[in-house]
Amino acid sequence: MKSFNIPTFYKSPIISKVKEMRKITDPRKKDFTPTILDFGTVRFYIARHFGFCYGVENAIEIAYQAIEENPDKRIFLLSEMIHNQYVNKDLLAKGAKFLMDTAGNQIIPFNELSKNDIVIIPAFGTTLEIESGLNEIGIEVRKYDTTCPFVDRVWKKSEKLGNDNYTIIIHGKYNHEETRATFSRSKKNAPSIIVKDIIETKILGEFILGNISTDEFEAVFKDKYSENFNTAEHLKKIGVINQTTMLATETEGIVDYLKAIMLQKYPNTELKNHFADTRDTLCYATNENQDSTYGLLKANADIAIVVGGYNSSNTSHIVELCEKKLPTYFISSAEEIISKTCIHHFDFNNQKHLVTENYLPEKKPIEIILTSGASCPDLLVDDVLQKIISFYSNSKKIEEVLSEIEKYQPHKI
């Protein structure tokens, strides 16, 4: 796989070394057991896969290249480059400005731009409508387009589905930049509708079977389907694609459910006449990170700490998986760890910040699952690890622990 030119300050002395060791011991990436860093007082279970993925590294390389190549030009980020405050803050510090927020609200009107300005398209991609607006100004949209190749692959799949006369079901978060970009393209190719989760999908399934009314359908899916969507005609032949950072098992569940619905609705015809097999739109990094989380959860840990941006979809799903088994703290950086007895963290489900006292159990060793989202620099994970270790004066030195895992053989839990 291609290697990218990422600023060195995003790398870390601990986590980066752990990852390099795992590449040696597991070059085919088949072993999802964690790496164990045992400091005596604290034992960390480090996920096999986490942190910057291919699409994020590609976006970062292009963004910093744009800044370096254009010292005398105004540089704009269409919206957040990726969903990590540390990365976006550094780009802003280097002079870039946001044109829009993550919800698509305008911060700087397009009519204030000129053809000499540089606009960087984020890793999520953008809508055809926004691209058209920038092109009309004369801005070279493709020059610094950091759209993830795996997002682009989903767009190509939607185009193929449209050419084959399938209606496109998008599993995604309606207001997420990637889903908005995907919907913009899919509705050009075919009738399209967005489902947030299996609950909305079951409502859609009941409508396909004729068990709920059009009014009920429209109440749930208002503004989530393409113009001129014909509910009587456009749900006879469907295919599913997804926002690449969704929970893989949920996308698979949605695919299986809708497949069963079409078999029930059309029992006497070939399935391919009503349903397309589209499982290959799941992102490899999303799959690997989630599989690695399942590997982590086999550990008999006390708590989990997940590091990442609070608006990061892929990170939220890692949190969701961990929360099912043990106390989980979703933090943006080590700054959220106030002390040995107090942590600030984020409740993603209710979108609110929490403060928890006595989050570290009184035992030795404390066993902590530690991982992050695909847009989180390894350095931030390092900072979390080192801050927790700093609370315990008789811990092993980092150099000693790293020396021990140079002889690492994956631990079977």
Protein backbone atom coordinates (compact mmCIF):
# COMPACT_ATOMS: atom_id res chain seq x y z
CA MET A 1 0.00 0.00 0.00
CA LYS A 2 1.17 3.53 -0.79
CA SER A 3 3.04 5.40 1.93
CA PHE A 4 2.26 9.06 2.52
CA ASN A 5 4.29 12.10 3.49
CA ILE A 6 2.73 12.89 6.87
CA PRO A 7 4.18 15.62 9.14
CA THR A 8 6.40 13.97 11.72
CA PHE A 9 4.64 15.67 14.64
CA TYR A 10 1.61 13.45 14.00
CA LYS A 11 3.69 10.36 14.75
CA SER A 12 4.54 9.01 18.18
CA PRO A 13 7.45 7.33 19.98
CA ILE A 14 5.25 4.59 21.46
CA ILE A 15 2.24 3.79 19.31
CA SER A 16 4.10 4.15 15.99
CA LYS A 17 6.69 1.65 17.22
CA VAL A 18 3.98 -0.78 18.32
CA LYS A 19 2.37 -0.56 14.88
CA GLU A 20 5.69 -1.22 13.14
CA MET A 21 6.25 -4.29 15.28
CA ARG A 22 2.81 -5.63 14.44
CA LYS A 23 3.46 -5.16 10.73
CA ILE A 24 6.45 -7.48 11.12
CA THR A 25 4.66 -10.15 13.17
CA ASP A 26 1.38 -9.96 11.22
CA PRO A 27 2.14 -8.70 7.69
CA ARG A 28 -1.10 -10.07 6.24
CA LYS A 29 -3.19 -8.35 8.94
CA LYS A 30 -5.06 -11.49 9.93
CA ASP A 31 -4.46 -11.39 13.70
CA PHE A 32 -6.82 -9.07 15.57
CA THR A 33 -5.50 -9.79 19.05
CA PRO A 34 -4.21 -6.68 20.84
CA THR A 35 -0.69 -5.71 21.77
CA ILE A 36 -0.21 -5.67 25.53
CA LEU A 37 1.91 -2.93 27.10
CA ASP A 38 2.47 -3.98 30.70
CA PHE A 39 3.80 -1.18 32.91
CA GLY A 40 3.31 -3.19 36.09
CA THR A 41 0.85 -0.73 37.62
CA VAL A 42 -1.17 -0.38 34.41
CA ARG A 43 -1.66 -2.85 31.60
CA PHE A 44 -2.79 -1.40 28.29
CA TYR A 45 -4.45 -3.45 25.54
CA ILE A 46 -3.63 -1.69 22.28
CA ALA A 47 -5.85 -2.41 19.27
CA ARG A 48 -4.30 -4.16 16.27
CA HIS A 49 -5.68 -1.50 13.90
CA PHE A 50 -6.59 2.10 14.70
CA GLY A 51 -5.56 5.63 13.89
CA PHE A 52 -4.90 7.18 10.50
CA CYS A 53 -6.26 5.13 7.62
CA TYR A 54 -5.33 5.36 3.92
CA GLY A 55 -7.96 8.00 3.16
CA VAL A 56 -6.98 10.19 6.11
CA GLU A 57 -3.26 10.04 5.34
CA ASN A 58 -4.02 10.87 1.70
CA ALA A 59 -6.09 13.89 2.80
CA ILE A 60 -3.43 15.16 5.20
CA GLU A 61 -0.66 14.83 2.62
CA ILE A 62 -2.64 16.78 0.01
CA ALA A 63 -3.73 19.48 2.49
CA TYR A 64 -0.21 20.22 3.68
CA GLN A 65 1.02 20.07 0.09
CA ALA A 66 -1.56 22.70 -0.86
CA ILE A 67 -0.35 25.02 1.91
CA GLU A 68 3.32 24.52 1.01
CA GLU A 69 2.79 25.05 -2.72
CA ASN A 70 0.72 28.22 -2.38
CA PRO A 71 2.38 30.53 0.17
CA ASP A 72 0.99 33.68 -1.46
CA LYS A 73 -2.60 32.52 -2.01
CA ARG A 74 -5.68 32.34 0.17
CA ILE A 75 -6.35 28.76 1.17
CA PHE A 76 -9.75 27.48 2.23
CA LEU A 77 -10.92 24.18 3.65
CA LEU A 78 -14.36 23.46 2.27
CA SER A 79 -15.20 22.14 5.76
CA GLU A 80 -13.29 20.10 8.34
CA MET A 81 -10.54 18.17 6.56
CA ILE A 82 -11.26 15.14 8.72
CA HIS A 83 -13.18 14.85 11.98
CA ASN A 84 -10.29 15.54 14.31
CA GLN A 85 -9.88 18.86 16.08
CA TYR A 86 -6.08 18.50 16.40
CA VAL A 87 -5.55 18.18 12.64
CA ASN A 88 -8.00 20.93 11.72
CA LYS A 89 -6.57 23.30 14.34
CA ASP A 90 -3.08 22.89 12.90
CA LEU A 91 -4.27 23.56 9.35
CA LEU A 92 -6.06 26.70 10.53
CA ALA A 93 -2.91 27.80 12.37
CA LYS A 94 -1.07 27.59 9.05
CA GLY A 95 -3.50 30.08 7.52
CA ALA A 96 -6.30 27.97 6.06
CA LYS A 97 -9.92 29.02 6.69
CA PHE A 98 -13.21 27.12 6.72
CA LEU A 99 -15.78 27.96 4.04
CA MET A 100 -18.51 25.85 5.68
CA ASP A 101 -19.20 24.02 8.91
CA THR A 102 -19.75 20.26 9.07
CA ALA A 103 -23.53 20.70 8.71
CA GLY A 104 -23.05 22.51 5.40
CA ASN A 105 -23.80 26.00 6.71
CA GLN A 106 -21.88 28.74 4.93
CA ILE A 107 -19.21 30.57 6.96
CA ILE A 108 -17.63 32.49 4.08
CA PRO A 109 -19.95 33.11 1.09
CA PHE A 110 -18.74 31.72 -2.22
CA ASN A 111 -19.19 35.15 -3.80
CA GLU A 112 -16.20 36.32 -1.74
CA LEU A 113 -13.96 33.79 -3.50
CA SER A 114 -11.95 34.32 -6.67
CA LYS A 115 -10.46 31.95 -9.21
CA ASN A 116 -7.03 32.52 -7.67
CA ASP A 117 -8.07 31.03 -4.33
CA ILE A 118 -7.25 27.47 -3.29
CA VAL A 119 -10.11 25.30 -2.00
CA ILE A 120 -9.33 21.91 -0.45
CA ILE A 121 -12.10 19.31 -0.72
CA PRO A 122 -12.23 17.17 2.48
CA ALA A 123 -11.78 13.42 2.74
CA PHE A 124 -15.57 12.97 2.86
CA GLY A 125 -15.92 14.50 -0.60
CA THR A 126 -18.58 17.08 -1.39
CA THR A 127 -21.82 17.45 -3.30
CA LEU A 128 -22.12 17.99 -7.03
CA GLU A 129 -23.92 21.24 -6.29
CA ILE A 130 -20.98 22.64 -4.30
CA GLU A 131 -18.52 21.44 -6.94
CA SER A 132 -20.55 23.22 -9.61
CA GLY A 133 -20.57 26.45 -7.58
CA LEU A 134 -16.79 26.40 -7.18
CA ASN A 135 -16.26 25.55 -10.85
CA GLU A 136 -18.37 28.56 -11.86
CA ILE A 137 -15.96 30.80 -9.93
CA GLY A 138 -13.07 29.22 -11.83
CA ILE A 139 -11.52 27.37 -8.89
CA GLU A 140 -9.67 24.17 -9.78
CA VAL A 141 -11.69 21.80 -7.61
CA ARG A 142 -9.75 18.68 -8.56
CA LYS A 143 -6.31 20.10 -7.86
CA TYR A 144 -6.54 19.61 -4.09
CA ASP A 145 -9.42 17.15 -3.83
CA THR A 146 -8.71 14.84 -0.88
CA THR A 147 -11.82 12.68 -1.29
CA CYS A 148 -11.08 9.22 0.08
CA PRO A 149 -10.68 6.64 -2.73
CA PHE A 150 -13.02 4.31 -0.83
CA VAL A 151 -15.73 6.97 -0.78
CA ASP A 152 -15.21 7.42 -4.51
CA ARG A 153 -15.65 3.65 -4.91
CA VAL A 154 -19.08 3.91 -3.28
CA TRP A 155 -19.99 6.65 -5.75
CA LYS A 156 -18.97 4.42 -8.64
CA LYS A 157 -21.10 1.62 -7.22
CA SER A 158 -24.09 3.97 -7.02
CA GLU A 159 -23.54 4.89 -10.66
CA LYS A 160 -23.49 1.22 -11.67
CA LEU A 161 -26.64 0.51 -9.67
CA GLY A 162 -28.36 3.43 -11.37
CA ASN A 163 -27.29 2.22 -14.81
CA ASP A 164 -28.80 -1.17 -13.95
CA ASN A 165 -32.08 0.51 -12.94
CA TYR A 166 -31.84 -0.17 -9.22
CA THR A 167 -33.15 2.27 -6.63
CA ILE A 168 -30.32 3.11 -4.22
CA ILE A 169 -30.69 2.68 -0.46
CA ILE A 170 -27.94 4.57 1.42
CA HIS A 171 -27.11 3.44 4.95
CA GLY A 172 -25.75 6.64 6.47
CA LYS A 173 -26.24 9.62 8.74
CA TYR A 174 -28.35 12.09 6.82
CA ASN A 175 -26.41 15.21 7.89
CA HIS A 176 -22.92 13.71 7.59
CA GLU A 177 -20.75 15.30 4.87
CA GLU A 178 -20.00 11.96 3.24
CA THR A 179 -23.65 10.90 3.09
CA ARG A 180 -24.66 14.27 1.67
CA ALA A 181 -21.99 13.89 -1.02
CA THR A 182 -23.04 10.33 -1.80
CA PHE A 183 -26.74 11.23 -1.93
CA SER A 184 -25.94 14.10 -4.29
CA ARG A 185 -24.42 11.64 -6.75
CA SER A 186 -26.75 8.70 -6.29
CA LYS A 187 -29.89 10.76 -6.87
CA LYS A 188 -28.38 11.87 -10.19
CA ASN A 189 -28.07 8.23 -11.23
CA ALA A 190 -31.21 6.73 -9.71
CA PRO A 191 -34.05 7.19 -7.23
CA SER A 192 -32.36 7.26 -3.82
CA ILE A 193 -33.30 7.11 -0.14
CA ILE A 194 -31.25 7.35 3.09
CA VAL A 195 -31.78 5.04 6.07
CA LYS A 196 -30.03 5.88 9.32
CA ASP A 197 -30.20 2.48 10.98
CA ILE A 198 -31.97 -0.87 11.12
CA ILE A 199 -35.00 0.76 12.79
CA GLU A 200 -35.61 3.04 9.81
CA THR A 201 -34.83 0.15 7.47
CA LYS A 202 -37.58 -1.96 9.06
CA ILE A 203 -40.04 0.89 8.53
CA LEU A 204 -38.96 0.94 4.88
CA GLY A 205 -39.40 -2.84 4.72
CA GLU A 206 -42.90 -2.65 6.16
CA PHE A 207 -43.76 -0.05 3.52
CA ILE A 208 -42.40 -2.27 0.74
CA LEU A 209 -44.64 -5.08 2.01
CA GLY A 210 -47.64 -2.75 2.07
CA ASN A 211 -48.05 -2.79 5.84
CA ILE A 212 -47.79 0.97 6.41
CA SER A 213 -49.21 3.93 4.51
CA THR A 214 -47.52 6.42 2.24
CA ASP A 215 -48.19 9.13 4.83
CA GLU A 216 -46.29 7.10 7.46
CA PHE A 217 -43.43 6.55 5.01
CA GLU A 218 -43.19 10.25 4.20
CA ALA A 219 -43.26 11.23 7.88
CA VAL A 220 -40.18 9.09 8.59
CA PHE A 221 -38.24 9.79 5.40
CA LYS A 222 -39.06 13.46 4.83
CA ASP A 223 -36.12 15.13 3.02
CA LYS A 224 -34.30 11.77 2.90
CA TYR A 225 -35.29 10.68 -0.60
CA SER A 226 -34.70 12.11 -4.06
CA GLU A 227 -37.09 14.39 -5.91
CA ASN A 228 -39.82 12.70 -7.92
CA PHE A 229 -39.40 9.53 -5.85
CA ASN A 230 -42.30 7.27 -6.84
CA THR A 231 -43.08 5.07 -3.85
CA ALA A 232 -45.25 2.78 -5.97
CA GLU A 233 -42.53 2.11 -8.57
CA HIS A 234 -39.12 2.84 -7.14
CA LEU A 235 -38.96 0.18 -4.44
CA LYS A 236 -39.35 -2.84 -6.71
CA LYS A 237 -35.64 -3.16 -7.46
CA ILE A 238 -33.14 -1.98 -4.85
CA GLY A 239 -29.45 -2.05 -3.93
CA VAL A 240 -27.70 -0.91 -0.75
CA ILE A 241 -24.60 1.26 -0.43
CA ASN A 242 -23.29 2.93 2.72
CA GLN A 243 -21.46 5.77 4.36
CA THR A 244 -18.07 4.10 4.65
CA THR A 245 -17.69 4.77 8.38
CA MET A 246 -20.89 3.11 9.57
CA LEU A 247 -20.96 0.06 11.82
CA ALA A 248 -20.18 -2.81 9.47
CA THR A 249 -22.43 -5.32 11.22
CA GLU A 250 -25.36 -2.91 10.97
CA THR A 251 -24.85 -2.38 7.23
CA GLU A 252 -24.69 -6.15 6.83
CA GLY A 253 -27.86 -6.51 8.91
CA ILE A 254 -29.63 -3.94 6.74
CA VAL A 255 -28.56 -5.76 3.58
CA ASP A 256 -29.74 -9.11 4.95
CA TYR A 257 -33.05 -7.65 6.14
CA LEU A 258 -33.88 -5.96 2.83
CA LYS A 259 -32.85 -9.07 0.93
CA ALA A 260 -35.33 -11.08 3.01
CA ILE A 261 -38.03 -8.45 2.40
CA MET A 262 -37.58 -8.68 -1.37
CA LEU A 263 -37.66 -12.47 -1.24
CA GLN A 264 -40.92 -12.23 0.69
CA LYS A 265 -42.37 -9.62 -1.67
CA TYR A 266 -41.33 -11.42 -4.86
CA PRO A 267 -41.10 -15.15 -4.04
CA ASN A 268 -41.54 -16.39 -7.61
CA THR A 269 -38.86 -14.38 -9.42
CA GLU A 270 -35.05 -14.34 -9.39
CA LEU A 271 -33.66 -12.28 -6.52
CA LYS A 272 -31.32 -10.31 -8.82
CA ASN A 273 -34.38 -8.84 -10.52
CA HIS A 274 -35.23 -7.08 -7.27
CA PHE A 275 -32.08 -6.93 -5.14
CA ALA A 276 -28.40 -6.20 -5.86
CA ASP A 277 -25.50 -7.70 -3.89
CA THR A 278 -23.46 -4.65 -2.79
CA ARG A 279 -21.53 -5.74 0.31
CA ASP A 280 -18.25 -4.50 -1.18
CA THR A 281 -19.00 -0.85 -0.32
CA LEU A 282 -17.75 -1.34 3.25
CA CYS A 283 -14.44 0.49 3.86
CA TYR A 284 -11.44 -1.74 4.63
CA ALA A 285 -10.29 0.52 7.49
CA THR A 286 -13.75 0.58 9.07
CA ASN A 287 -13.81 -3.21 8.93
CA GLU A 288 -10.29 -3.61 10.31
CA ASN A 289 -10.80 -1.14 13.14
CA GLN A 290 -14.09 -2.71 14.15
CA ASP A 291 -12.69 -6.26 13.93
CA SER A 292 -9.75 -5.10 16.06
CA THR A 293 -12.21 -3.73 18.60
CA TYR A 294 -13.89 -7.13 18.83
CA GLY A 295 -10.39 -8.55 19.43
CA LEU A 296 -9.82 -6.00 22.20
CA LEU A 297 -13.09 -6.88 23.89
CA LYS A 298 -11.92 -10.44 24.50
CA ALA A 299 -9.57 -8.97 27.12
CA ASN A 300 -10.69 -8.95 30.73
CA ALA A 301 -10.17 -5.19 31.00
CA ASP A 302 -11.53 -2.78 33.60
CA ILE A 303 -12.27 0.20 31.36
CA ALA A 304 -11.92 1.34 27.74
CA ILE A 305 -10.60 4.70 26.58
CA VAL A 306 -11.35 5.69 22.98
CA VAL A 307 -9.61 8.78 21.57
CA GLY A 308 -10.98 10.79 18.68
CA GLY A 309 -13.05 13.69 17.42
CA TYR A 310 -16.49 13.93 18.96
CA ASN A 311 -18.08 14.32 15.51
CA SER A 312 -16.21 11.32 14.09
CA SER A 313 -18.61 8.64 12.86
CA ASN A 314 -16.11 5.78 12.78
CA THR A 315 -14.89 6.63 16.29
CA SER A 316 -18.43 6.71 17.66
CA HIS A 317 -19.01 3.16 16.45
CA ILE A 318 -15.88 1.92 18.22
CA VAL A 319 -17.23 3.58 21.37
CA GLU A 320 -20.58 1.90 20.78
CA LEU A 321 -18.95 -1.54 20.60
CA CYS A 322 -16.90 -0.98 23.76
CA GLU A 323 -19.84 0.38 25.75
CA LYS A 324 -21.66 -2.91 25.36
CA LYS A 325 -19.06 -4.66 27.52
CA LEU A 326 -17.40 -2.25 29.94
CA PRO A 327 -17.19 1.37 31.18
CA THR A 328 -16.00 3.40 28.20
CA TYR A 329 -14.63 6.94 28.10
CA PHE A 330 -14.71 8.78 24.77
CA ILE A 331 -12.16 11.62 24.91
CA SER A 332 -10.68 13.98 22.35
CA SER A 333 -7.21 14.16 23.92
CA ALA A 334 -5.22 13.67 27.13
CA GLU A 335 -6.38 17.14 28.22
CA GLU A 336 -9.73 15.54 29.08
CA ILE A 337 -7.99 13.45 31.74
CA ILE A 338 -8.02 15.98 34.55
CA SER A 339 -6.42 13.84 37.23
CA LYS A 340 -6.14 10.31 38.55
CA THR A 341 -9.66 10.68 39.94
CA CYS A 342 -11.46 12.82 37.33
CA ILE A 343 -12.06 12.51 33.59
CA HIS A 344 -14.09 14.64 31.18
CA HIS A 345 -15.63 12.61 28.36
CA PHE A 346 -18.33 12.67 25.72
CA ASP A 347 -21.67 10.86 25.65
CA PHE A 348 -22.09 10.39 21.92
CA ASN A 349 -25.61 8.96 22.12
CA ASN A 350 -26.95 11.99 23.97
CA GLN A 351 -24.46 14.49 22.51
CA LYS A 352 -23.32 15.88 25.84
CA HIS A 353 -20.14 16.22 27.88
CA LEU A 354 -19.84 14.32 31.14
CA VAL A 355 -17.56 14.41 34.15
CA THR A 356 -16.82 11.13 35.93
CA GLU A 357 -15.03 10.81 39.26
CA ASN A 358 -13.01 7.77 40.32
CA TYR A 359 -12.92 6.35 36.80
CA LEU A 360 -9.71 4.38 37.50
CA PRO A 361 -10.38 1.35 39.73
CA GLU A 362 -8.35 0.81 42.88
CA LYS A 363 -6.46 -2.31 41.81
CA LYS A 364 -3.12 -3.46 40.43
CA PRO A 365 -2.61 -3.72 37.63
CA ILE A 366 -5.39 -1.61 36.17
CA GLU A 367 -6.28 -3.08 32.77
CA ILE A 368 -7.23 -0.55 30.12
CA ILE A 369 -8.37 -1.00 26.53
CA LEU A 370 -6.90 1.86 24.48
CA THR A 371 -7.79 2.66 20.89
CA SER A 372 -8.81 5.53 18.62
CA GLY A 373 -10.72 6.46 15.51
CA ALA A 374 -9.34 6.47 11.96
CA SER A 375 -8.85 10.25 11.98
CA CYS A 376 -6.90 10.42 15.25
CA PRO A 377 -3.11 10.99 15.24
CA ASP A 378 -1.13 8.33 17.11
CA LEU A 379 0.48 11.12 19.09
CA LEU A 380 -2.81 11.80 20.89
CA VAL A 381 -3.05 8.15 21.92
CA ASP A 382 0.55 8.33 23.17
CA ASP A 383 -0.35 11.35 25.27
CA VAL A 384 -3.24 9.51 26.90
CA LEU A 385 -1.10 6.49 27.71
CA GLN A 386 1.70 8.58 29.17
CA LYS A 387 -0.64 10.73 31.24
CA ILE A 388 -2.21 7.71 32.91
CA ILE A 389 1.20 6.18 33.57
CA SER A 390 2.30 9.46 35.19
CA PHE A 391 -0.22 8.87 37.98
CA TYR A 392 1.75 5.82 39.17
CA SER A 393 5.27 6.48 40.41
CA ASN A 394 6.50 2.88 40.36
CA SER A 395 5.56 2.02 36.77
CA LYS A 396 8.05 0.44 34.38
CA LYS A 397 9.83 2.85 32.06
CA ILE A 398 8.47 3.18 28.54
CA GLU A 399 11.80 2.11 27.05
CA GLU A 400 11.74 -1.08 29.11
CA VAL A 401 8.21 -1.99 28.02
CA LEU A 402 8.99 -1.30 24.35
CA SER A 403 12.12 -3.40 24.62
CA GLU A 404 10.02 -6.28 25.96
CA ILE A 405 7.56 -6.19 23.08
CA GLU A 406 10.31 -6.26 20.46
CA LYS A 407 10.16 -10.00 21.08
CA TYR A 408 6.36 -9.81 20.95
CA GLN A 409 4.32 -12.79 19.89
CA PRO A 410 0.58 -11.96 19.69
CA HIS A 411 -1.03 -12.71 23.04
CA LYS A 412 -3.92 -15.13 22.86
CA ILE A 413 -6.63 -14.13 25.30
